[in-house]
C-alpha cells in the first residue's frame, strides 16, 4: 500500500527549514521552476539528485520553441547562454518513407525562427548560475518541510511512485542514438527529418562543435539495430549515416562519442494531490522526434507559477498545497500535453 502523503513527503529532520515550495529534481524543469517561484517571492528549496558523474561529453541538445525561449528570457537565462550554444532553425525538411517531402520555413510562418537548438549542458549550467543569485532559493541535501512539493524528477520519479500517482507507460522497443556531427557543407539553419520504417532520423543544425557546420543527431532505431550502430567503428558509423541521409546535409562525420537511451511514452494518472504536484517528465513522457519534451516541461513551469500567483491574489488564506488550486494547473496542462503525446505517438 502506498504511504499517505504526510509520511511520503512531509517528513523532514528536526531543525530543517520550513519552505513554501520544495522542488524535488534538479534538472532544467526543476531549476526553471525554482527561478520562476523565487521571482514571485516564494521561499523555495531545491532538492537535486547527485550530479552527473559520467565524464564523457554530454551530446544532448534541446529544440526549444518560442514559449520556452520567452520564459528563459524572463528568468534571465537565455542571454547568458554562449552564442555557439544556441542555433536558430530557419527551415525544416521532412522526408517520408514513400518519397514524399514537406518543407517549412520561418519566412513562410512569419516568425524569426522555427525553433532554437540548445546545448543541454550549457543550458543546465546557465540555469545553475542564475540560481546562485536567486533570492529565496536554498539548495538542499535532504528534504525540508514545505506547503507544496513539486515533483520534477523525470520519468523514473520515485517520489511520484511513492505518492501513488501512477504512471502508465509504453516502451517503443526503440533506442534514441545521439551524437554530434560535422558536415562539409554549411547547415544554413536547416533541420532535417526522415520518417522511415522502422527508424526515424533527425539532424538538428547546431554551431557546436563547429560554427555553421555542426549537427545534433537523434536516430530512433529498434533496440537491436541501435546496439549494432553503437558497436560500429567511427568510420563504419559515418558510412551508415551518410547512406541513410543520402548526402542531403552534406558529408557527415562523427565529432563526439555516441550515446543511446530507451524510448517510452507515458502519462501520470494523477498530476496533483493535497500538497503535491507533478511537472515535466514526471507527469508526461513523449517520443523525442518532435523535440517537445522540455518545451512541455517549461510550459508546466509557466502555468504552475501563474496559477499559484493568481490563487495568492484571489484567496490569500488558502495553502499553497490546496488541491483545488493545483487541479487548475493540471486541467490547463493535461489537454495540450495529451494532444502532443498523441501526435508524436501516432507519427
Protein backbone atom coordinates (compact mmCIF):
# COMPACT_ATOMS: atom_id res chain seq x y z
CA UNK A 1 0.00 0.00 0.00
CA UNK A 2 1.30 3.46 -0.87
CA UNK A 3 2.24 5.58 2.11
CA UNK A 4 -0.09 8.55 2.81
CA UNK A 5 1.08 11.99 1.79
CA UNK A 6 2.35 13.29 5.17
CA UNK A 7 4.58 10.24 5.61
CA UNK A 8 5.69 10.10 1.98
CA UNK A 9 6.75 13.71 1.53
CA UNK A 10 6.47 15.91 4.57
CA UNK A 11 8.78 14.05 6.92
CA UNK A 12 11.90 16.14 7.47
CA UNK A 13 14.71 16.09 10.04
CA UNK A 14 14.27 18.24 13.14
CA UNK A 15 15.53 21.76 12.60
CA UNK A 16 15.15 21.64 8.82
CA UNK A 17 13.92 24.86 7.17
CA UNK A 18 10.23 25.45 6.57
CA UNK A 19 9.59 26.43 2.96
CA UNK A 20 6.75 27.46 0.73
CA UNK A 21 7.77 25.02 -2.02
CA UNK A 22 10.09 22.03 -2.01
CA UNK A 23 11.20 21.08 -5.54
CA UNK A 24 12.37 17.51 -5.94
CA UNK A 25 14.56 17.28 -9.03
CA UNK A 26 17.40 19.50 -10.21
CA UNK A 27 17.09 19.16 -13.97
CA UNK A 28 16.15 22.06 -16.25
CA UNK A 29 12.45 21.91 -15.30
CA UNK A 30 13.18 21.89 -11.58
CA UNK A 31 15.72 24.71 -11.86
CA UNK A 32 13.42 26.83 -14.04
CA UNK A 33 10.59 26.32 -11.56
CA UNK A 34 12.84 27.41 -8.68
CA UNK A 35 13.76 30.59 -10.56
CA UNK A 36 10.16 31.34 -11.50
CA UNK A 37 8.81 30.83 -7.97
CA UNK A 38 11.67 32.79 -6.43
CA UNK A 39 10.86 35.67 -8.75
CA UNK A 40 7.31 35.59 -7.36
CA UNK A 41 8.56 35.77 -3.78
CA UNK A 42 8.11 32.18 -2.62
CA UNK A 43 10.64 30.54 -0.30
CA UNK A 44 11.95 27.61 -2.35
CA UNK A 45 14.10 24.59 -1.60
CA UNK A 46 15.70 22.66 -4.47
CA UNK A 47 16.49 19.03 -3.68
CA UNK A 48 18.52 17.67 -6.58
CA UNK A 49 19.82 14.20 -7.26
CA UNK A 50 23.54 13.50 -7.29
CA UNK A 51 25.29 15.44 -10.04
CA UNK A 52 26.16 13.66 -13.26
CA UNK A 53 29.35 11.64 -12.69
CA UNK A 54 29.88 10.50 -16.28
CA UNK A 55 32.97 12.19 -17.71
CA UNK A 56 32.05 11.58 -21.36
CA UNK A 57 30.82 14.64 -23.30
CA UNK A 58 27.11 15.39 -22.99
CA UNK A 59 25.74 15.09 -26.54
CA UNK A 60 22.16 16.03 -25.71
CA UNK A 61 20.52 19.03 -27.37
CA UNK A 62 17.11 20.59 -26.84
CA UNK A 63 14.82 22.01 -29.54
CA UNK A 64 13.12 24.96 -27.85
CA UNK A 65 10.04 26.75 -29.09
CA UNK A 66 9.20 30.44 -28.75
CA UNK A 67 7.35 29.95 -25.47
CA UNK A 68 10.33 28.23 -23.85
CA UNK A 69 12.74 30.89 -25.11
CA UNK A 70 10.46 33.63 -23.76
CA UNK A 71 10.34 32.01 -20.32
CA UNK A 72 14.12 31.58 -20.23
CA UNK A 73 14.42 35.23 -21.23
CA UNK A 74 12.18 36.30 -18.36
CA UNK A 75 14.32 34.23 -15.99
CA UNK A 76 17.46 35.96 -17.37
CA UNK A 77 18.91 32.69 -18.55
CA UNK A 78 18.59 32.94 -22.32
CA UNK A 79 21.01 35.83 -22.78
CA UNK A 80 23.54 34.09 -20.51
CA UNK A 81 23.97 31.23 -22.98
CA UNK A 82 27.11 31.33 -25.15
CA UNK A 83 26.38 32.26 -28.75
CA UNK A 84 27.52 28.91 -30.10
CA UNK A 85 25.33 27.04 -27.57
CA UNK A 86 22.10 28.14 -29.30
CA UNK A 87 21.38 27.90 -33.01
CA UNK A 88 18.28 29.15 -34.81
CA UNK A 89 16.31 26.80 -37.06
CA UNK A 90 15.08 28.72 -40.11
CA UNK A 91 13.97 25.82 -42.30
CA UNK A 92 12.80 22.24 -41.81
CA UNK A 93 12.74 19.50 -44.42
CA UNK A 94 10.86 16.29 -43.65
CA UNK A 95 11.11 13.15 -45.78
CA UNK A 96 8.64 10.27 -45.67
CA UNK A 97 9.35 6.61 -46.41
CA UNK A 98 7.25 6.77 -49.60
CA UNK A 99 9.40 9.53 -51.08
CA UNK A 100 7.19 12.46 -50.08
CA UNK A 101 8.60 15.64 -48.57
CA UNK A 102 7.27 18.53 -46.51
CA UNK A 103 9.12 21.81 -46.06
CA UNK A 104 8.60 24.60 -43.53
CA UNK A 105 10.35 27.94 -43.31
CA UNK A 106 10.35 30.70 -40.72
CA UNK A 107 9.69 33.18 -43.51
CA UNK A 108 6.52 31.34 -44.57
CA UNK A 109 5.35 31.18 -40.96
CA UNK A 110 6.03 34.87 -40.41
CA UNK A 111 8.40 34.26 -37.49
CA UNK A 112 12.08 34.89 -36.87
CA UNK A 113 12.88 31.20 -36.41
CA UNK A 114 11.03 27.90 -36.21
CA UNK A 115 12.93 26.79 -33.10
CA UNK A 116 16.26 27.05 -31.34
CA UNK A 117 18.66 24.14 -30.86
CA UNK A 118 20.34 24.49 -27.48
CA UNK A 119 23.24 22.63 -25.91
CA UNK A 120 21.80 20.71 -22.94
CA UNK A 121 24.86 21.04 -20.72
CA UNK A 122 25.18 24.78 -21.44
CA UNK A 123 21.51 25.38 -20.61
CA UNK A 124 21.75 23.49 -17.34
CA UNK A 125 24.92 25.40 -16.44
CA UNK A 126 23.23 28.75 -17.16
CA UNK A 127 20.21 27.78 -15.05
CA UNK A 128 22.52 26.75 -12.22
CA UNK A 129 24.42 30.04 -12.39
CA UNK A 130 21.16 32.00 -12.29
CA UNK A 131 20.12 30.10 -9.17
CA UNK A 132 23.27 31.24 -7.40
CA UNK A 133 21.89 34.79 -7.44
CA UNK A 134 18.20 33.98 -6.98
CA UNK A 135 16.69 35.28 -3.75
CA UNK A 136 14.67 32.88 -1.58
CA UNK A 137 16.18 29.68 -3.09
CA UNK A 138 18.06 27.16 -0.97
CA UNK A 139 19.88 24.15 -2.39
CA UNK A 140 19.15 21.18 -0.14
CA UNK A 141 20.82 17.85 0.51
CA UNK A 142 17.85 16.43 2.41
CA UNK A 143 14.09 17.04 2.44
CA UNK A 144 12.54 20.01 4.22
CA UNK A 145 9.01 20.81 5.30
CA UNK A 146 7.00 22.75 2.73
CA UNK A 147 3.41 23.66 1.99
CA UNK A 148 3.83 22.32 -1.54
CA UNK A 149 6.11 19.68 -3.02
CA UNK A 150 6.74 19.98 -6.76
CA UNK A 151 8.00 16.72 -8.26
CA UNK A 152 10.34 17.29 -11.22
CA UNK A 153 12.37 14.08 -11.01
CA UNK A 154 11.78 12.83 -14.56
CA UNK A 155 10.01 9.81 -15.94
CA UNK A 156 11.60 7.44 -13.39
CA UNK A 157 10.46 9.53 -10.41
CA UNK A 158 10.43 7.56 -7.17
CA UNK A 159 8.53 10.32 -5.36
CA UNK A 160 5.69 10.12 -7.88
CA UNK A 161 5.54 6.38 -7.37
CA UNK A 162 5.53 6.78 -3.56
CA UNK A 163 2.57 9.16 -3.89
CA UNK A 164 0.58 6.58 -5.82
CA UNK A 165 0.10 8.98 -8.73
CA UNK A 166 0.58 6.12 -11.19
CA UNK A 167 2.41 6.29 -14.47
CA UNK A 168 1.05 4.42 -17.45
CA UNK A 169 3.86 3.97 -19.93
CA UNK A 170 4.61 2.10 -23.11
CA UNK A 171 8.08 1.12 -24.31
CA UNK A 172 8.58 1.51 -28.05
CA UNK A 173 11.32 -1.10 -28.14
CA UNK A 174 13.46 1.58 -29.80
CA UNK A 175 16.52 3.46 -28.58
CA UNK A 176 17.45 7.02 -29.48
CA UNK A 177 21.04 7.18 -30.72
CA UNK A 178 22.55 10.64 -30.22
CA UNK A 179 25.83 12.25 -31.28
CA UNK A 180 27.36 15.49 -32.51
CA UNK A 181 28.28 15.68 -36.19
CA UNK A 182 30.22 17.95 -38.54
CA UNK A 183 29.27 18.42 -42.20
CA UNK A 184 31.47 19.54 -45.09
CA UNK A 185 28.72 21.98 -46.10
CA UNK A 186 27.06 24.75 -44.01
CA UNK A 187 23.79 23.84 -42.29
CA UNK A 188 22.13 27.20 -43.14
CA UNK A 189 19.86 26.75 -40.12
CA UNK A 190 18.08 23.80 -41.72
CA UNK A 191 16.77 20.84 -39.72
CA UNK A 192 16.21 17.51 -41.44
CA UNK A 193 13.99 14.54 -40.56
CA UNK A 194 13.50 11.19 -42.24
CA UNK A 195 10.46 9.09 -41.28
CA UNK A 196 11.01 5.54 -42.44
CA UNK A 197 10.18 2.05 -41.33
CA UNK A 198 11.43 1.19 -38.79
CA UNK A 199 13.62 4.22 -37.97
CA UNK A 200 13.28 7.99 -37.57
CA UNK A 201 16.39 10.14 -38.16
CA UNK A 202 16.74 13.82 -37.23
CA UNK A 203 19.59 16.25 -37.91
CA UNK A 204 19.45 19.44 -35.87
CA UNK A 205 21.55 22.42 -37.03
CA UNK A 206 23.97 23.30 -34.30
CA UNK A 207 27.01 25.55 -34.01
CA UNK A 208 28.78 23.11 -31.74
CA UNK A 209 31.24 21.56 -32.35
CA UNK A 210 31.82 23.77 -35.44
CA UNK A 211 30.05 27.04 -36.22
CA UNK A 212 27.79 26.79 -39.30
CA UNK A 213 28.78 23.15 -39.89
CA UNK A 214 27.54 21.24 -36.85
CA UNK A 215 24.51 18.99 -36.35
CA UNK A 216 22.97 17.19 -33.43
CA UNK A 217 21.88 13.66 -34.34
CA UNK A 218 18.89 11.83 -32.90
CA UNK A 219 18.34 8.48 -34.61
CA UNK A 220 15.47 6.34 -33.33
CA UNK A 221 16.13 2.67 -34.09
CA UNK A 222 14.87 -0.72 -32.88
CA UNK A 223 16.97 -1.75 -29.90
CA UNK A 224 19.00 -4.40 -31.74
CA UNK A 225 19.87 -2.03 -34.59
CA UNK A 226 20.71 0.76 -32.15
CA UNK A 227 23.12 -1.57 -30.37
CA UNK A 228 24.67 -2.52 -33.70
CA UNK A 229 25.19 1.15 -34.61
CA UNK A 230 26.82 1.81 -31.25
CA UNK A 231 29.22 -1.08 -31.81
CA UNK A 232 30.40 0.16 -35.23
CA UNK A 233 33.72 1.92 -35.63
CA UNK A 234 33.51 5.68 -36.23
CA UNK A 235 34.22 5.19 -39.94
CA UNK A 236 31.57 2.47 -40.24
CA UNK A 237 29.03 4.64 -38.41
CA UNK A 238 29.81 7.60 -40.68
CA UNK A 239 29.22 5.39 -43.72
CA UNK A 240 25.88 4.13 -42.37
CA UNK A 241 24.77 7.67 -41.52
CA UNK A 242 25.71 9.12 -44.91
CA UNK A 243 23.93 6.27 -46.68
CA UNK A 244 20.80 6.96 -44.61
CA UNK A 245 20.82 10.72 -45.34
CA UNK A 246 21.89 10.41 -48.97
CA UNK A 247 24.15 13.44 -48.79
CA UNK A 248 21.20 15.82 -48.30
CA UNK A 249 23.01 17.65 -45.49
CA UNK A 250 26.48 17.17 -46.94
CA UNK A 251 29.03 14.54 -45.99
CA UNK A 252 28.72 13.93 -42.27
CA UNK A 253 31.27 12.65 -39.76
CA UNK A 254 31.17 11.98 -36.05
CA UNK A 255 32.55 14.70 -33.79
CA UNK A 256 31.67 13.13 -30.42
CA UNK A 257 31.07 9.81 -28.71
CA UNK A 258 27.71 8.16 -29.33
CA UNK A 259 25.04 7.75 -26.64
CA UNK A 260 21.70 5.96 -26.59
CA UNK A 261 18.66 5.64 -24.33
CA UNK A 262 15.38 3.66 -24.46
CA UNK A 263 12.30 5.50 -25.75
CA UNK A 264 8.97 5.44 -23.93
CA UNK A 265 5.69 7.32 -23.92
CA UNK A 266 3.77 7.78 -20.69
CA UNK A 267 1.34 9.83 -18.62
CA UNK A 268 0.72 10.04 -14.88
CA UNK A 269 -2.81 9.10 -13.88
CA UNK A 270 -2.87 11.91 -11.30
CA UNK A 271 -0.92 15.15 -11.72
CA UNK A 272 -1.60 16.54 -8.25
CA UNK A 273 -2.98 15.89 -4.79
CA UNK A 274 -3.08 17.60 -1.39
CA UNK A 275 0.28 19.34 -1.10
CA UNK A 276 1.96 17.88 -4.21
CA UNK A 277 2.12 18.40 -7.94
CA UNK A 278 3.95 16.83 -10.90
CA UNK A 279 5.78 18.68 -13.67
CA UNK A 280 7.83 17.71 -16.72
CA UNK A 281 8.67 14.10 -17.46
CA UNK A 282 7.41 13.06 -14.03
CA UNK A 283 3.93 13.88 -15.38
CA UNK A 284 4.37 13.07 -19.07
CA UNK A 285 6.98 11.48 -21.33
CA UNK A 286 6.83 11.81 -25.12
CA UNK A 287 8.79 10.47 -28.08
CA UNK A 288 11.70 12.84 -28.87
CA UNK A 289 11.01 13.02 -32.62
CA UNK A 290 9.32 16.43 -32.34
CA UNK A 291 11.67 17.73 -29.64
CA UNK A 292 8.77 18.67 -27.38
CA UNK A 293 9.75 17.10 -24.05
CA UNK A 294 11.43 20.11 -22.44
CA UNK A 295 9.00 22.53 -24.10
CA UNK A 296 6.13 20.74 -22.37
CA UNK A 297 8.00 20.84 -19.07
CA UNK A 298 8.76 24.57 -19.30
CA UNK A 299 5.12 25.21 -20.20
CA UNK A 300 4.24 23.36 -16.99
CA UNK A 301 6.53 25.73 -15.08
CA UNK A 302 4.90 28.83 -16.55
CA UNK A 303 1.38 27.53 -15.89
CA UNK A 304 2.01 26.46 -12.29
CA UNK A 305 3.77 29.71 -11.39
CA UNK A 306 0.86 31.71 -12.80
CA UNK A 307 -1.80 29.60 -11.10
CA UNK A 308 -0.08 29.97 -7.71
CA UNK A 309 0.22 33.74 -8.08
CA UNK A 310 -3.44 34.02 -9.12
CA UNK A 311 -4.53 31.89 -6.16
CA UNK A 312 -2.50 34.05 -3.75
CA UNK A 313 -4.18 37.16 -5.13
CA UNK A 314 -7.72 35.71 -5.14
CA UNK A 315 -7.62 33.57 -1.99
CA UNK A 316 -4.60 34.51 0.15
CA UNK A 317 -5.84 32.40 3.08
CA UNK A 318 -5.50 29.15 1.12
CA UNK A 319 -2.46 26.93 1.48
CA UNK A 320 -0.08 26.68 -1.45
CA UNK A 321 -0.83 22.96 -1.45
CA UNK A 322 -4.59 23.40 -1.80
CA UNK A 323 -5.67 20.60 -4.11
CA UNK A 324 -8.39 22.59 -5.85
CA UNK A 325 -5.83 25.22 -6.80
CA UNK A 326 -3.46 22.58 -8.11
CA UNK A 327 -6.23 20.99 -10.15
CA UNK A 328 -6.50 24.23 -12.11
CA UNK A 329 -2.92 23.73 -13.21
CA UNK A 330 -3.50 20.05 -14.00
CA UNK A 331 -6.59 20.78 -16.11
CA UNK A 332 -4.80 23.50 -18.04
CA UNK A 333 -1.77 21.36 -18.86
CA UNK A 334 -3.21 17.88 -19.33
CA UNK A 335 -5.12 18.60 -22.55
CA UNK A 336 -2.26 20.11 -24.65
CA UNK A 337 0.15 17.54 -23.24
CA UNK A 338 -2.06 14.62 -24.17
CA UNK A 339 -2.58 16.13 -27.61
CA UNK A 340 1.17 16.42 -28.23
CA UNK A 341 1.78 12.93 -26.85
CA UNK A 342 -0.90 11.53 -29.15
CA UNK A 343 0.56 13.35 -32.15
CA UNK A 344 4.11 12.12 -31.63
CA UNK A 345 2.94 8.63 -30.76
CA UNK A 346 0.78 8.49 -33.88
CA UNK A 347 3.66 9.61 -36.09
